[in-house]
PDB file of N, CA and C in Angstrom:
ATOM      1  N   UNK A   1      72.097  94.239  51.646  1.00  0.00           N
ATOM      2  CA  UNK A   1      71.238  94.153  52.813  1.00  0.00           C
ATOM      3  C   UNK A   1      72.050  93.862  54.067  1.00  0.00           C
ATOM      4  N   UNK A   2      73.062  92.992  53.943  1.00  0.00           N
ATOM      5  CA  UNK A   2      73.891  92.655  55.100  1.00  0.00           C
ATOM      6  C   UNK A   2      74.666  93.868  55.593  1.00  0.00           C
ATOM      7  N   UNK A   3      75.058  94.729  54.651  1.00  0.00           N
ATOM      8  CA  UNK A   3      75.797  95.932  55.046  1.00  0.00           C
ATOM      9  C   UNK A   3      74.921  96.857  55.881  1.00  0.00           C
ATOM     10  N   UNK A   4      73.655  96.972  55.529  1.00  0.00           N
ATOM     11  CA  UNK A   4      72.753  97.840  56.285  1.00  0.00           C
ATOM     12  C   UNK A   4      72.511  97.301  57.688  1.00  0.00           C
ATOM     13  N   UNK A   5      72.331  96.016  57.792  1.00  0.00           N
ATOM     14  CA  UNK A   5      72.128  95.410  59.112  1.00  0.00           C
ATOM     15  C   UNK A   5      73.377  95.606  59.967  1.00  0.00           C
ATOM     16  N   UNK A   6      74.539  95.400  59.366  1.00  0.00           N
ATOM     17  CA  UNK A   6      75.793  95.598  60.087  1.00  0.00           C
ATOM     18  C   UNK A   6      75.933  97.053  60.533  1.00  0.00           C
ATOM     19  N   UNK A   7      75.585  97.990  59.648  1.00  0.00           N
ATOM     20  CA  UNK A   7      75.677  99.409  59.979  1.00  0.00           C
ATOM     21  C   UNK A   7      74.739  99.769  61.127  1.00  0.00           C
ATOM     22  N   UNK A   8      73.528  99.265  61.087  1.00  0.00           N
ATOM     23  CA  UNK A   8      72.564  99.539  62.160  1.00  0.00           C
ATOM     24  C   UNK A   8      73.051  98.960  63.485  1.00  0.00           C
ATOM     25  N   UNK A   9      73.590  97.752  63.448  1.00  0.00           N
ATOM     26  CA  UNK A   9      74.093  97.132  64.675  1.00  0.00           C
ATOM     27  C   UNK A   9      75.307  97.870  65.233  1.00  0.00           C
ATOM     28  N   UNK A  10      76.063  98.533  64.390  1.00  0.00           N
ATOM     29  CA  UNK A  10      77.216  99.302  64.857  1.00  0.00           C
ATOM     30  C   UNK A  10      76.794 100.641  65.454  1.00  0.00           C
ATOM     31  N   UNK A  11      75.697 101.217  64.974  1.00  0.00           N
ATOM     32  CA  UNK A  11      75.262 102.538  65.427  1.00  0.00           C
ATOM     33  C   UNK A  11      74.452 102.461  66.723  1.00  0.00           C
ATOM     34  N   UNK A  12      73.757 101.375  66.972  1.00  0.00           N
ATOM     35  CA  UNK A  12      72.903 101.267  68.160  1.00  0.00           C
ATOM     36  C   UNK A  12      73.644 101.483  69.476  1.00  0.00           C
ATOM     37  N   UNK A  13      74.810 100.885  69.720  1.00  0.00           N
ATOM     38  CA  UNK A  13      75.507 101.156  70.986  1.00  0.00           C
ATOM     39  C   UNK A  13      75.916 102.614  71.141  1.00  0.00           C
ATOM     40  N   UNK A  14      76.247 103.275  70.046  1.00  0.00           N
ATOM     41  CA  UNK A  14      76.626 104.687  70.127  1.00  0.00           C
ATOM     42  C   UNK A  14      75.442 105.532  70.573  1.00  0.00           C
ATOM     43  N   UNK A  15      74.235 105.204  70.132  1.00  0.00           N
ATOM     44  CA  UNK A  15      73.055 105.941  70.577  1.00  0.00           C
ATOM     45  C   UNK A  15      72.837 105.766  72.066  1.00  0.00           C
ATOM     46  N   UNK A  16      73.068 104.571  72.569  1.00  0.00           N
ATOM     47  CA  UNK A  16      72.895 104.304  73.992  1.00  0.00           C
ATOM     48  C   UNK A  16      73.885 105.119  74.820  1.00  0.00           C
ATOM     49  N   UNK A  17      75.138 105.169  74.384  1.00  0.00           N
ATOM     50  CA  UNK A  17      76.154 105.939  75.104  1.00  0.00           C
ATOM     51  C   UNK A  17      75.814 107.418  75.058  1.00  0.00           C
ATOM     52  N   UNK A  18      75.365 107.904  73.913  1.00  0.00           N
ATOM     53  CA  UNK A  18      75.001 109.311  73.788  1.00  0.00           C
ATOM     54  C   UNK A  18      73.826 109.643  74.697  1.00  0.00           C
ATOM     55  N   UNK A  19      72.860 108.751  74.807  1.00  0.00           N
ATOM     56  CA  UNK A  19      71.708 108.987  75.680  1.00  0.00           C
ATOM     57  C   UNK A  19      72.135 109.019  77.141  1.00  0.00           C
ATOM     58  N   UNK A  20      73.060 108.154  77.534  1.00  0.00           N
ATOM     59  CA  UNK A  20      73.548 108.163  78.911  1.00  0.00           C
ATOM     60  C   UNK A  20      74.304 109.450  79.208  1.00  0.00           C
ATOM     61  N   UNK A  21      75.072 109.934  78.244  1.00  0.00           N
ATOM     62  CA  UNK A  21      75.824 111.163  78.441  1.00  0.00           C
ATOM     63  C   UNK A  21      74.882 112.352  78.594  1.00  0.00           C
ATOM     64  N   UNK A  22      73.844 112.408  77.783  1.00  0.00           N
ATOM     65  CA  UNK A  22      72.864 113.490  77.885  1.00  0.00           C
ATOM     66  C   UNK A  22      72.149 113.423  79.225  1.00  0.00           C
ATOM     67  N   UNK A  23      71.816 112.218  79.690  1.00  0.00           N
ATOM     68  CA  UNK A  23      71.157 112.062  80.983  1.00  0.00           C
ATOM     69  C   UNK A  23      72.068 112.538  82.105  1.00  0.00           C
ATOM     70  N   UNK A  24      73.356 112.209  82.028  1.00  0.00           N
ATOM     71  CA  UNK A  24      74.311 112.644  83.052  1.00  0.00           C
ATOM     72  C   UNK A  24      74.449 114.164  83.041  1.00  0.00           C
ATOM     73  N   UNK A  25      74.494 114.760  81.858  1.00  0.00           N
ATOM     74  CA  UNK A  25      74.596 116.212  81.758  1.00  0.00           C
ATOM     75  C   UNK A  25      73.348 116.877  82.317  1.00  0.00           C
ATOM     76  N   UNK A  26      72.179 116.282  82.093  1.00  0.00           N
ATOM     77  CA  UNK A  26      70.941 116.837  82.633  1.00  0.00           C
ATOM     78  C   UNK A  26      70.942 116.771  84.156  1.00  0.00           C
ATOM     79  N   UNK A  27      71.446 115.679  84.722  1.00  0.00           N
ATOM     80  CA  UNK A  27      71.529 115.568  86.180  1.00  0.00           C
ATOM     81  C   UNK A  27      72.513 116.583  86.758  1.00  0.00           C
ATOM     82  N   UNK A  28      73.643 116.790  86.071  1.00  0.00           N
ATOM     83  CA  UNK A  28      74.610 117.790  86.539  1.00  0.00           C
ATOM     84  C   UNK A  28      74.004 119.187  86.493  1.00  0.00           C
ATOM     85  N   UNK A  29      73.273 119.497  85.434  1.00  0.00           N
ATOM     86  CA  UNK A  29      72.633 120.800  85.311  1.00  0.00           C
ATOM     87  C   UNK A  29      71.575 120.992  86.390  1.00  0.00           C
ATOM     88  N   UNK A  30      70.803 119.947  86.688  1.00  0.00           N
ATOM     89  CA  UNK A  30      69.796 120.033  87.743  1.00  0.00           C
ATOM     90  C   UNK A  30      70.450 120.269  89.096  1.00  0.00           C
ATOM     91  N   UNK A  31      71.569 119.619  89.372  1.00  0.00           N
ATOM     92  CA  UNK A  31      72.282 119.800  90.640  1.00  0.00           C
ATOM     93  C   UNK A  31      72.839 121.207  90.742  1.00  0.00           C
ATOM     94  N   UNK A  32      73.419 121.721  89.668  1.00  0.00           N
ATOM     95  CA  UNK A  32      73.959 123.076  89.686  1.00  0.00           C
ATOM     96  C   UNK A  32      72.849 124.104  89.872  1.00  0.00           C
ATOM     97  N   UNK A  33      71.701 123.879  89.249  1.00  0.00           N
ATOM     98  CA  UNK A  33      70.557 124.768  89.425  1.00  0.00           C
ATOM     99  C   UNK A  33      70.057 124.727  90.859  1.00  0.00           C
ATOM    100  N   UNK A  34      69.998 123.540  91.439  1.00  0.00           N
ATOM    101  CA  UNK A  34      69.578 123.395  92.828  1.00  0.00           C
ATOM    102  C   UNK A  34      70.543 124.122  93.767  1.00  0.00           C
ATOM    103  N   UNK A  35      71.847 124.003  93.516  1.00  0.00           N
ATOM    104  CA  UNK A  35      72.838 124.711  94.332  1.00  0.00           C
ATOM    105  C   UNK A  35      72.660 126.219  94.220  1.00  0.00           C
ATOM    106  N   UNK A  36      72.442 126.700  93.007  1.00  0.00           N
ATOM    107  CA  UNK A  36      72.265 128.132  92.799  1.00  0.00           C
ATOM    108  C   UNK A  36      71.022 128.644  93.511  1.00  0.00           C
ATOM    109  N   UNK A  37      69.921 127.906  93.442  1.00  0.00           N
ATOM    110  CA  UNK A  37      68.706 128.310  94.151  1.00  0.00           C
ATOM    111  C   UNK A  37      68.920 128.299  95.661  1.00  0.00           C
ATOM    112  N   UNK A  38      69.681 127.325  96.157  1.00  0.00           N
ATOM    113  CA  UNK A  38      69.979 127.249  97.585  1.00  0.00           C
ATOM    114  C   UNK A  38      70.753 128.497  98.028  1.00  0.00           C
ATOM    115  N   UNK A  39      71.765 128.890  97.250  1.00  0.00           N
ATOM    116  CA  UNK A  39      72.528 130.092  97.569  1.00  0.00           C
ATOM    117  C   UNK A  39      71.641 131.332  97.510  1.00  0.00           C
ATOM    118  N   UNK A  40      70.752 131.378  96.540  1.00  0.00           N
ATOM    119  CA  UNK A  40      69.881 132.540  96.374  1.00  0.00           C
ATOM    120  C   UNK A  40      68.890 132.671  97.531  1.00  0.00           C
ATOM    121  N   UNK A  41      68.377 131.552  98.031  1.00  0.00           N
ATOM    122  CA  UNK A  41      67.379 131.598  99.102  1.00  0.00           C
ATOM    123  C   UNK A  41      67.963 132.042 100.436  1.00  0.00           C
ATOM    124  N   UNK A  42      69.087 131.473 100.831  1.00  0.00           N
ATOM    125  CA  UNK A  42      69.604 131.744 102.176  1.00  0.00           C
ATOM    126  C   UNK A  42      70.957 132.448 102.162  1.00  0.00           C
ATOM    127  N   UNK A  43      71.428 132.874 101.020  1.00  0.00           N
ATOM    128  CA  UNK A  43      72.745 133.487 100.925  1.00  0.00           C
ATOM    129  C   UNK A  43      72.867 134.814 101.642  1.00  0.00           C
ATOM    130  N   UNK A  44      71.774 135.541 101.814  1.00  0.00           N
ATOM    131  CA  UNK A  44      71.854 136.838 102.477  1.00  0.00           C
ATOM    132  C   UNK A  44      71.855 136.720 104.003  1.00  0.00           C
ATOM    133  N   UNK A  45      71.469 135.593 104.554  1.00  0.00           N
ATOM    134  CA  UNK A  45      71.439 135.438 106.013  1.00  0.00           C
ATOM    135  C   UNK A  45      72.420 134.389 106.519  1.00  0.00           C
ATOM    136  N   UNK A  46      73.068 133.658 105.637  1.00  0.00           N
ATOM    137  CA  UNK A  46      73.969 132.595 106.077  1.00  0.00           C
ATOM    138  C   UNK A  46      75.140 132.474 105.111  1.00  0.00           C
ATOM    139  N   UNK A  47      76.258 132.020 105.655  1.00  0.00           N
ATOM    140  CA  UNK A  47      77.417 131.708 104.827  1.00  0.00           C
ATOM    141  C   UNK A  47      77.279 130.261 104.381  1.00  0.00           C
ATOM    142  N   UNK A  48      77.305 130.040 103.085  1.00  0.00           N
ATOM    143  CA  UNK A  48      77.097 128.700 102.543  1.00  0.00           C
ATOM    144  C   UNK A  48      78.395 128.231 101.904  1.00  0.00           C
ATOM    145  N   UNK A  49      78.834 127.056 102.303  1.00  0.00           N
ATOM    146  CA  UNK A  49      80.024 126.459 101.723  1.00  0.00           C
ATOM    147  C   UNK A  49      79.719 125.007 101.424  1.00  0.00           C
ATOM    148  N   UNK A  50      80.157 124.541 100.292  1.00  0.00           N
ATOM    149  CA  UNK A  50      79.922 123.158  99.896  1.00  0.00           C
ATOM    150  C   UNK A  50      81.195 122.367 100.176  1.00  0.00           C
ATOM    151  N   UNK A  51      81.089 121.373 101.036  1.00  0.00           N
ATOM    152  CA  UNK A  51      82.249 120.578 101.424  1.00  0.00           C
ATOM    153  C   UNK A  51      81.929 119.101 101.256  1.00  0.00           C
ATOM    154  N   UNK A  52      82.938 118.277 101.366  1.00  0.00           N
ATOM    155  CA  UNK A  52      82.685 116.841 101.429  1.00  0.00           C
ATOM    156  C   UNK A  52      83.451 116.258 102.603  1.00  0.00           C
ATOM    157  N   UNK A  53      82.869 115.245 103.203  1.00  0.00           N
ATOM    158  CA  UNK A  53      83.451 114.565 104.345  1.00  0.00           C
ATOM    159  C   UNK A  53      83.931 113.201 103.859  1.00  0.00           C
ATOM    160  N   UNK A  54      85.247 112.971 103.858  1.00  0.00           N
ATOM    161  CA  UNK A  54      85.716 111.643 103.439  1.00  0.00           C
ATOM    162  C   UNK A  54      85.524 110.631 104.561  1.00  0.00           C
ATOM    163  N   UNK A  55      85.081 109.465 104.217  1.00  0.00           N
ATOM    164  CA  UNK A  55      84.902 108.400 105.198  1.00  0.00           C
ATOM    165  C   UNK A  55      85.894 107.287 104.902  1.00  0.00           C
ATOM    166  N   UNK A  56      85.881 106.282 105.719  1.00  0.00           N
ATOM    167  CA  UNK A  56      86.792 105.152 105.506  1.00  0.00           C
ATOM    168  C   UNK A  56      86.283 104.309 104.336  1.00  0.00           C
ATOM    169  N   UNK A  57      87.177 103.572 103.685  1.00  0.00           N
ATOM    170  CA  UNK A  57      86.732 102.675 102.609  1.00  0.00           C
ATOM    171  C   UNK A  57      85.834 101.568 103.145  1.00  0.00           C
ATOM    172  N   UNK A  58      85.159 100.892 102.245  1.00  0.00           N
ATOM    173  CA  UNK A  58      84.312  99.772 102.648  1.00  0.00           C
ATOM    174  C   UNK A  58      85.129  98.730 103.382  1.00  0.00           C
ATOM    175  N   UNK A  59      84.483  98.050 104.316  1.00  0.00           N
ATOM    176  CA  UNK A  59      85.176  97.048 105.108  1.00  0.00           C
ATOM    177  C   UNK A  59      85.531  95.840 104.267  1.00  0.00           C
ATOM    178  N   UNK A  60      84.568  95.353 103.505  1.00  0.00           N
ATOM    179  CA  UNK A  60      84.821  94.201 102.630  1.00  0.00           C
ATOM    180  C   UNK A  60      84.365  94.566 101.223  1.00  0.00           C
ATOM    181  N   UNK A  61      85.310  94.635 100.331  1.00  0.00           N
ATOM    182  CA  UNK A  61      85.005  94.906  98.930  1.00  0.00           C
ATOM    183  C   UNK A  61      84.662  93.601  98.226  1.00  0.00           C
ATOM    184  N   UNK A  62      83.735  93.675  97.277  1.00  0.00           N
ATOM    185  CA  UNK A  62      83.431  92.488  96.474  1.00  0.00           C
ATOM    186  C   UNK A  62      84.632  92.095  95.623  1.00  0.00           C
ATOM    187  N   UNK A  63      85.299  93.102  95.072  1.00  0.00           N
ATOM    188  CA  UNK A  63      86.495  92.866  94.262  1.00  0.00           C
ATOM    189  C   UNK A  63      87.587  93.787  94.818  1.00  0.00           C
ATOM    190  N   UNK A  64      88.469  93.285  95.686  1.00  0.00           N
ATOM    191  CA  UNK A  64      89.447  94.154  96.335  1.00  0.00           C
ATOM    192  C   UNK A  64      90.492  94.756  95.400  1.00  0.00           C
ATOM    193  N   UNK A  65      90.610  94.258  94.192  1.00  0.00           N
ATOM    194  CA  UNK A  65      91.571  94.823  93.247  1.00  0.00           C
ATOM    195  C   UNK A  65      90.871  95.535  92.092  1.00  0.00           C
ATOM    196  N   UNK A  66      89.564  95.717  92.192  1.00  0.00           N
ATOM    197  CA  UNK A  66      88.806  96.359  91.127  1.00  0.00           C
ATOM    198  C   UNK A  66      89.014  97.863  91.110  1.00  0.00           C
ATOM    199  N   UNK A  67      88.503  98.490  90.071  1.00  0.00           N
ATOM    200  CA  UNK A  67      88.625  99.930  89.929  1.00  0.00           C
ATOM    201  C   UNK A  67      87.867 100.620  91.058  1.00  0.00           C
ATOM    202  N   UNK A  68      88.513 101.514  91.760  1.00  0.00           N
ATOM    203  CA  UNK A  68      87.886 102.244  92.856  1.00  0.00           C
ATOM    204  C   UNK A  68      87.902 101.512  94.180  1.00  0.00           C
ATOM    205  N   UNK A  69      88.454 100.332  94.231  1.00  0.00           N
ATOM    206  CA  UNK A  69      88.498  99.575  95.483  1.00  0.00           C
ATOM    207  C   UNK A  69      89.447 100.267  96.455  1.00  0.00           C
ATOM    208  N   UNK A  70      89.022 100.387  97.685  1.00  0.00           N
ATOM    209  CA  UNK A  70      89.849 101.019  98.706  1.00  0.00           C
ATOM    210  C   UNK A  70      89.703 102.521  98.773  1.00  0.00           C
ATOM    211  N   UNK A  71      88.929 103.116  97.873  1.00  0.00           N
ATOM    212  CA  UNK A  71      88.720 104.556  97.908  1.00  0.00           C
ATOM    213  C   UNK A  71      87.701 104.908  98.980  1.00  0.00           C
ATOM    214  N   UNK A  72      87.905 106.023  99.678  1.00  0.00           N
ATOM    215  CA  UNK A  72      86.922 106.425 100.676  1.00  0.00           C
ATOM    216  C   UNK A  72      85.654 106.965 100.014  1.00  0.00           C
ATOM    217  N   UNK A  73      84.565 106.880 100.728  1.00  0.00           N
ATOM    218  CA  UNK A  73      83.298 107.424 100.262  1.00  0.00           C
ATOM    219  C   UNK A  73      83.276 108.911 100.571  1.00  0.00           C
ATOM    220  N   UNK A  74      82.823 109.729  99.632  1.00  0.00           N
ATOM    221  CA  UNK A  74      82.731 111.171  99.847  1.00  0.00           C
ATOM    222  C   UNK A  74      81.272 111.526 100.099  1.00  0.00           C
ATOM    223  N   UNK A  75      81.004 112.145 101.229  1.00  0.00           N
ATOM    224  CA  UNK A  75      79.656 112.595 101.564  1.00  0.00           C
ATOM    225  C   UNK A  75      79.638 114.111 101.409  1.00  0.00           C
ATOM    226  N   UNK A  76      78.866 114.590 100.440  1.00  0.00           N
ATOM    227  CA  UNK A  76      78.794 116.028 100.189  1.00  0.00           C
ATOM    228  C   UNK A  76      77.822 116.675 101.162  1.00  0.00           C
ATOM    229  N   UNK A  77      78.170 117.881 101.587  1.00  0.00           N
ATOM    230  CA  UNK A  77      77.344 118.589 102.558  1.00  0.00           C
ATOM    231  C   UNK A  77      77.466 120.090 102.301  1.00  0.00           C
ATOM    232  N   UNK A  78      76.511 120.839 102.832  1.00  0.00           N
ATOM    233  CA  UNK A  78      76.555 122.306 102.748  1.00  0.00           C
ATOM    234  C   UNK A  78      76.928 122.870 104.096  1.00  0.00           C
TER     235      UNK A  78
END
């Protein structure tokens, strides 16, 4: 019985990670579909280019040595 409980407790975090990955993939697919529809709607009358505008890093970071600290924010635009 203890082995089954241990096995279930080991598998639960993997399900959570898999669900997050599927959710992220669904969001990426929705964004790509939205981009494609945008090109299809106005592509014949306008030149569409997807760019990003880099901005300055945050003025005060909560953790100045943390992962991603000091990186500029990217603002995506068409």
